[in-house]
């Protein structure tokens, strides 16, 4: 399968319109460049919408860079989102003075679920 520049831009434009992305977005591009999803969701959409794409300093600093940049738009495969949610839930519970792991009945879990995490 050959991905042309025109096809990438057309698909990027469709997703940008669907997600209602603007030039005000900020994104962290951390997935391998060879992965088509990285090119589509990071680079093609940014070319269409004009938003800023930042890259992490290294694979080891992705989480630190994520906190520093505070992206408004974040693309990740399910396993990455699940790991991020687990880390967030753990941090919420430990900051609240409770022992981990987080139960499904907690306020943090309900809030994260309501927010789509």
N, C-alpha and C. Protein backbone atom coordinates (compact mmCIF):
# COMPACT_ATOMS: atom_id res chain seq x y z
N UNK A 1 0.84 -1.17 0.00
CA UNK A 1 0.00 0.00 0.00
C UNK A 1 0.90 1.24 0.00
N UNK A 2 0.59 2.17 -0.86
CA UNK A 2 1.36 3.40 -0.97
C UNK A 2 0.53 4.54 -0.38
N UNK A 3 1.16 5.28 0.55
CA UNK A 3 0.51 6.44 1.13
C UNK A 3 1.06 7.69 0.46
N UNK A 4 0.23 8.36 -0.28
CA UNK A 4 0.66 9.57 -0.95
C UNK A 4 0.51 10.76 -0.01
N UNK A 5 1.23 11.81 -0.33
CA UNK A 5 1.12 13.04 0.46
C UNK A 5 -0.33 13.54 0.43
N UNK A 6 -0.94 13.50 -0.73
CA UNK A 6 -2.33 13.97 -0.87
C UNK A 6 -3.27 13.15 0.00
N UNK A 7 -3.07 11.84 0.05
CA UNK A 7 -3.94 10.98 0.87
C UNK A 7 -3.74 11.27 2.35
N UNK A 8 -2.49 11.47 2.77
CA UNK A 8 -2.22 11.78 4.19
C UNK A 8 -2.86 13.11 4.58
N UNK A 9 -2.74 14.11 3.73
CA UNK A 9 -3.32 15.42 4.03
C UNK A 9 -4.85 15.35 4.04
N UNK A 10 -5.43 14.64 3.08
CA UNK A 10 -6.89 14.52 3.03
C UNK A 10 -7.41 13.82 4.29
N UNK A 11 -6.76 12.75 4.69
CA UNK A 11 -7.18 12.04 5.89
C UNK A 11 -6.93 12.89 7.14
N UNK A 12 -5.79 13.57 7.17
CA UNK A 12 -5.50 14.48 8.28
C UNK A 12 -6.54 15.58 8.40
N UNK A 13 -6.98 16.12 7.26
CA UNK A 13 -8.01 17.16 7.26
C UNK A 13 -9.34 16.61 7.79
N UNK A 14 -9.69 15.39 7.37
CA UNK A 14 -10.95 14.79 7.83
C UNK A 14 -10.95 14.58 9.34
N UNK A 15 -9.83 14.06 9.86
CA UNK A 15 -9.75 13.84 11.32
C UNK A 15 -9.66 15.16 12.08
N UNK A 16 -8.98 16.13 11.51
CA UNK A 16 -8.89 17.45 12.15
C UNK A 16 -10.27 18.08 12.25
N UNK A 17 -11.04 17.99 11.19
CA UNK A 17 -12.41 18.52 11.21
C UNK A 17 -13.27 17.75 12.20
N UNK A 18 -13.14 16.42 12.21
CA UNK A 18 -13.93 15.59 13.12
C UNK A 18 -13.62 15.91 14.58
N UNK A 19 -12.34 16.07 14.91
CA UNK A 19 -11.91 16.35 16.28
C UNK A 19 -12.01 17.83 16.64
N UNK A 20 -12.31 18.67 15.64
CA UNK A 20 -12.40 20.12 15.83
C UNK A 20 -11.09 20.70 16.37
N UNK A 21 -9.98 20.26 15.78
CA UNK A 21 -8.66 20.73 16.20
C UNK A 21 -8.38 22.10 15.61
N UNK A 22 -7.64 22.91 16.36
CA UNK A 22 -7.29 24.26 15.92
C UNK A 22 -5.78 24.46 16.04
N UNK A 23 -5.33 25.63 15.64
CA UNK A 23 -3.91 25.97 15.75
C UNK A 23 -3.49 26.15 17.21
N UNK A 24 -4.44 26.18 18.13
CA UNK A 24 -4.14 26.36 19.55
C UNK A 24 -3.73 25.06 20.25
N UNK A 25 -3.84 23.93 19.58
CA UNK A 25 -3.51 22.64 20.20
C UNK A 25 -2.01 22.50 20.39
N UNK A 26 -1.64 21.64 21.33
CA UNK A 26 -0.26 21.22 21.53
C UNK A 26 -0.26 19.72 21.64
N UNK A 27 0.71 19.07 21.01
CA UNK A 27 0.75 17.61 20.98
C UNK A 27 2.16 17.12 21.26
N UNK A 28 2.25 15.95 21.89
CA UNK A 28 3.54 15.29 22.11
C UNK A 28 3.61 14.10 21.17
N UNK A 29 4.57 14.11 20.25
CA UNK A 29 4.76 13.01 19.30
C UNK A 29 5.88 12.12 19.83
N UNK A 30 5.53 10.94 20.29
CA UNK A 30 6.52 10.08 20.93
C UNK A 30 6.57 8.67 20.33
N UNK A 31 5.66 8.35 19.45
CA UNK A 31 5.63 7.02 18.85
C UNK A 31 6.66 6.91 17.73
N UNK A 32 7.03 5.70 17.32
CA UNK A 32 8.03 5.54 16.25
C UNK A 32 7.60 6.21 14.95
N UNK A 33 8.54 6.86 14.29
CA UNK A 33 8.24 7.55 13.04
C UNK A 33 7.73 6.62 11.95
N UNK A 34 8.14 5.36 12.00
CA UNK A 34 7.72 4.41 10.97
C UNK A 34 6.26 3.99 11.12
N UNK A 35 5.65 4.29 12.26
CA UNK A 35 4.27 3.90 12.49
C UNK A 35 3.35 4.91 11.81
N UNK A 36 2.46 4.43 10.96
CA UNK A 36 1.61 5.32 10.17
C UNK A 36 0.72 6.19 11.06
N UNK A 37 0.29 5.68 12.20
CA UNK A 37 -0.53 6.47 13.11
C UNK A 37 0.19 7.71 13.61
N UNK A 38 1.48 7.58 13.85
CA UNK A 38 2.27 8.75 14.28
C UNK A 38 2.27 9.80 13.20
N UNK A 39 2.47 9.40 11.97
CA UNK A 39 2.49 10.35 10.86
C UNK A 39 1.12 10.98 10.65
N UNK A 40 0.07 10.18 10.76
CA UNK A 40 -1.28 10.70 10.53
C UNK A 40 -1.71 11.64 11.65
N UNK A 41 -1.65 11.14 12.88
CA UNK A 41 -2.23 11.90 13.98
C UNK A 41 -1.32 12.98 14.52
N UNK A 42 -0.05 12.90 14.27
CA UNK A 42 0.85 13.95 14.76
C UNK A 42 1.19 14.94 13.66
N UNK A 43 1.69 14.44 12.56
CA UNK A 43 2.25 15.34 11.56
C UNK A 43 1.23 15.82 10.53
N UNK A 44 0.43 14.94 9.97
CA UNK A 44 -0.55 15.37 8.96
C UNK A 44 -1.57 16.33 9.56
N UNK A 45 -2.07 15.99 10.75
CA UNK A 45 -3.06 16.88 11.38
C UNK A 45 -2.44 18.23 11.74
N UNK A 46 -1.20 18.22 12.20
CA UNK A 46 -0.57 19.50 12.55
C UNK A 46 -0.34 20.36 11.32
N UNK A 47 -0.05 19.74 10.17
CA UNK A 47 0.11 20.50 8.94
C UNK A 47 -1.20 21.14 8.51
N UNK A 48 -2.30 20.42 8.71
CA UNK A 48 -3.61 20.93 8.32
C UNK A 48 -4.10 22.01 9.29
N UNK A 49 -4.02 21.72 10.60
CA UNK A 49 -4.56 22.64 11.61
C UNK A 49 -3.56 23.72 12.01
N UNK A 50 -2.28 23.43 11.87
CA UNK A 50 -1.26 24.41 12.23
C UNK A 50 -0.88 24.40 13.70
N UNK A 51 -1.13 23.28 14.41
CA UNK A 51 -0.77 23.25 15.83
C UNK A 51 0.66 22.79 16.06
N UNK A 52 1.12 22.99 17.28
CA UNK A 52 2.50 22.69 17.67
C UNK A 52 2.65 21.21 18.03
N UNK A 53 3.69 20.57 17.50
CA UNK A 53 4.03 19.18 17.83
C UNK A 53 5.40 19.19 18.48
N UNK A 54 5.47 18.67 19.70
CA UNK A 54 6.74 18.57 20.41
C UNK A 54 7.17 17.11 20.46
N UNK A 55 8.47 16.89 20.49
CA UNK A 55 9.02 15.53 20.58
C UNK A 55 9.76 15.39 21.90
N UNK A 56 9.68 14.22 22.53
CA UNK A 56 10.38 14.02 23.80
C UNK A 56 11.89 14.00 23.60
N UNK A 57 12.61 14.29 24.67
CA UNK A 57 14.07 14.27 24.60
C UNK A 57 14.59 12.85 24.36
N UNK A 58 13.93 11.87 24.98
CA UNK A 58 14.30 10.47 24.80
C UNK A 58 13.12 9.61 25.24
N UNK A 59 13.21 8.32 24.98
CA UNK A 59 12.13 7.40 25.37
C UNK A 59 11.96 7.39 26.90
N UNK A 60 13.05 7.60 27.62
CA UNK A 60 13.00 7.58 29.08
C UNK A 60 12.33 8.82 29.67
N UNK A 61 12.25 9.90 28.91
CA UNK A 61 11.69 11.15 29.45
C UNK A 61 10.28 11.45 28.97
N UNK A 62 9.64 10.51 28.33
CA UNK A 62 8.30 10.76 27.76
C UNK A 62 7.32 11.24 28.83
N UNK A 63 7.27 10.58 29.97
CA UNK A 63 6.30 10.97 31.01
C UNK A 63 6.63 12.35 31.58
N UNK A 64 7.90 12.65 31.78
CA UNK A 64 8.30 13.97 32.26
C UNK A 64 7.95 15.03 31.23
N UNK A 65 8.26 14.75 29.98
CA UNK A 65 7.95 15.69 28.90
C UNK A 65 6.44 15.89 28.76
N UNK A 66 5.68 14.82 28.98
CA UNK A 66 4.22 14.91 28.91
C UNK A 66 3.71 15.89 29.96
N UNK A 67 4.25 15.80 31.18
CA UNK A 67 3.84 16.73 32.25
C UNK A 67 4.27 18.16 31.94
N UNK A 68 5.49 18.32 31.41
CA UNK A 68 6.00 19.66 31.12
C UNK A 68 5.23 20.34 30.00
N UNK A 69 4.94 19.60 28.95
CA UNK A 69 4.27 20.17 27.77
C UNK A 69 2.78 20.36 28.01
N UNK A 70 2.16 19.40 28.70
CA UNK A 70 0.72 19.49 28.95
C UNK A 70 -0.07 19.55 27.66
N UNK A 71 0.05 18.53 26.81
CA UNK A 71 -0.63 18.59 25.51
C UNK A 71 -2.15 18.70 25.64
N UNK A 72 -2.73 19.40 24.70
CA UNK A 72 -4.19 19.50 24.65
C UNK A 72 -4.78 18.40 23.79
N UNK A 73 -3.93 17.74 23.00
CA UNK A 73 -4.35 16.66 22.11
C UNK A 73 -3.31 15.57 22.24
N UNK A 74 -3.75 14.35 22.53
CA UNK A 74 -2.83 13.26 22.81
C UNK A 74 -3.31 12.00 22.11
N UNK A 75 -2.45 11.42 21.31
CA UNK A 75 -2.78 10.20 20.59
C UNK A 75 -1.92 9.08 21.12
N UNK A 76 -2.56 7.96 21.49
CA UNK A 76 -1.81 6.82 22.02
C UNK A 76 -2.58 5.53 21.80
N UNK A 77 -1.86 4.43 21.65
CA UNK A 77 -2.53 3.13 21.57
C UNK A 77 -3.10 2.78 22.95
N UNK A 78 -4.06 1.86 23.01
CA UNK A 78 -4.72 1.53 24.27
C UNK A 78 -3.77 1.16 25.41
N UNK A 79 -2.70 0.43 25.14
CA UNK A 79 -1.81 0.02 26.22
C UNK A 79 -1.13 1.21 26.88
N UNK A 80 -0.83 2.26 26.10
CA UNK A 80 -0.22 3.46 26.66
C UNK A 80 -1.23 4.23 27.50
N UNK A 81 -2.45 4.35 27.00
CA UNK A 81 -3.50 5.04 27.77
C UNK A 81 -3.82 4.31 29.06
N UNK A 82 -3.85 2.98 29.02
CA UNK A 82 -4.10 2.20 30.23
C UNK A 82 -2.99 2.40 31.26
N UNK A 83 -1.74 2.42 30.81
CA UNK A 83 -0.61 2.65 31.72
C UNK A 83 -0.68 4.05 32.32
N UNK A 84 -1.04 5.04 31.51
CA UNK A 84 -1.18 6.42 31.99
C UNK A 84 -2.30 6.52 33.02
N UNK A 85 -3.41 5.86 32.77
CA UNK A 85 -4.52 5.87 33.73
C UNK A 85 -4.13 5.19 35.03
N UNK A 86 -3.43 4.08 34.95
CA UNK A 86 -2.98 3.38 36.15
C UNK A 86 -2.05 4.27 36.97
N UNK A 87 -1.11 4.93 36.32
CA UNK A 87 -0.20 5.83 37.03
C UNK A 87 -0.95 6.99 37.68
N UNK A 88 -1.93 7.53 36.96
CA UNK A 88 -2.72 8.64 37.50
C UNK A 88 -3.54 8.20 38.70
N UNK A 89 -4.18 7.06 38.59
CA UNK A 89 -4.98 6.56 39.71
C UNK A 89 -4.11 6.28 40.92
N UNK A 90 -2.94 5.71 40.70
CA UNK A 90 -2.01 5.43 41.80
C UNK A 90 -1.59 6.74 42.47
N UNK A 91 -1.25 7.75 41.67
CA UNK A 91 -0.85 9.04 42.22
C UNK A 91 -1.98 9.69 43.00
N UNK A 92 -3.21 9.62 42.47
CA UNK A 92 -4.35 10.20 43.18
C UNK A 92 -4.54 9.54 44.54
N UNK A 93 -4.46 8.23 44.56
CA UNK A 93 -4.67 7.51 45.81
C UNK A 93 -3.56 7.77 46.81
N UNK A 94 -2.33 7.78 46.37
CA UNK A 94 -1.23 8.00 47.32
C UNK A 94 -1.23 9.43 47.83
N UNK A 95 -1.62 10.38 47.02
CA UNK A 95 -1.71 11.77 47.49
C UNK A 95 -2.86 11.95 48.47
N UNK A 96 -3.88 11.13 48.34
CA UNK A 96 -5.02 11.21 49.25
C UNK A 96 -4.75 10.46 50.55
N UNK A 97 -3.56 9.86 50.66
CA UNK A 97 -3.20 9.15 51.87
C UNK A 97 -3.77 7.75 51.95
N UNK A 98 -4.20 7.23 50.83
CA UNK A 98 -4.76 5.88 50.80
C UNK A 98 -3.75 4.94 50.18
N UNK A 99 -3.89 3.68 50.51
CA UNK A 99 -2.98 2.70 49.90
C UNK A 99 -3.48 2.34 48.51
N UNK A 100 -2.56 2.03 47.63
CA UNK A 100 -2.92 1.58 46.28
C UNK A 100 -3.21 0.09 46.36
N UNK A 101 -3.90 -0.54 45.47
CA UNK A 101 -4.44 0.00 44.23
C UNK A 101 -5.78 0.68 44.41
N UNK A 102 -6.16 1.39 43.40
CA UNK A 102 -7.41 2.14 43.39
C UNK A 102 -8.58 1.21 43.11
N UNK A 103 -9.65 1.38 43.86
CA UNK A 103 -10.84 0.57 43.60
C UNK A 103 -11.75 1.28 42.62
N UNK A 104 -12.57 0.54 41.95
CA UNK A 104 -13.48 1.11 40.97
C UNK A 104 -14.52 2.03 41.57
N UNK A 105 -14.73 1.97 42.88
CA UNK A 105 -15.76 2.79 43.52
C UNK A 105 -15.23 4.14 43.97
N UNK A 106 -13.95 4.42 43.76
CA UNK A 106 -13.37 5.66 44.26
C UNK A 106 -13.82 6.86 43.43
N UNK A 107 -13.72 8.04 44.05
CA UNK A 107 -14.07 9.28 43.37
C UNK A 107 -13.19 9.49 42.15
N UNK A 108 -11.88 9.19 42.29
CA UNK A 108 -10.96 9.40 41.19
C UNK A 108 -11.33 8.52 39.99
N UNK A 109 -11.70 7.30 40.27
CA UNK A 109 -12.05 6.40 39.19
C UNK A 109 -13.31 6.87 38.47
N UNK A 110 -14.30 7.30 39.24
CA UNK A 110 -15.53 7.79 38.62
C UNK A 110 -15.26 9.06 37.80
N UNK A 111 -14.40 9.95 38.34
CA UNK A 111 -14.07 11.17 37.62
C UNK A 111 -13.32 10.88 36.34
N UNK A 112 -12.34 9.97 36.42
CA UNK A 112 -11.58 9.61 35.23
C UNK A 112 -12.47 8.96 34.18
N UNK A 113 -13.38 8.10 34.63
CA UNK A 113 -14.29 7.44 33.69
C UNK A 113 -15.23 8.46 33.04
N UNK A 114 -15.71 9.41 33.83
CA UNK A 114 -16.61 10.43 33.29
C UNK A 114 -15.89 11.33 32.28
N UNK A 115 -14.57 11.49 32.49
CA UNK A 115 -13.78 12.32 31.57
C UNK A 115 -13.33 11.55 30.35
N UNK A 116 -13.64 10.25 30.31
CA UNK A 116 -13.31 9.46 29.14
C UNK A 116 -11.98 8.72 29.24
N UNK A 117 -11.41 8.65 30.46
CA UNK A 117 -10.13 7.95 30.62
C UNK A 117 -10.34 6.52 31.01
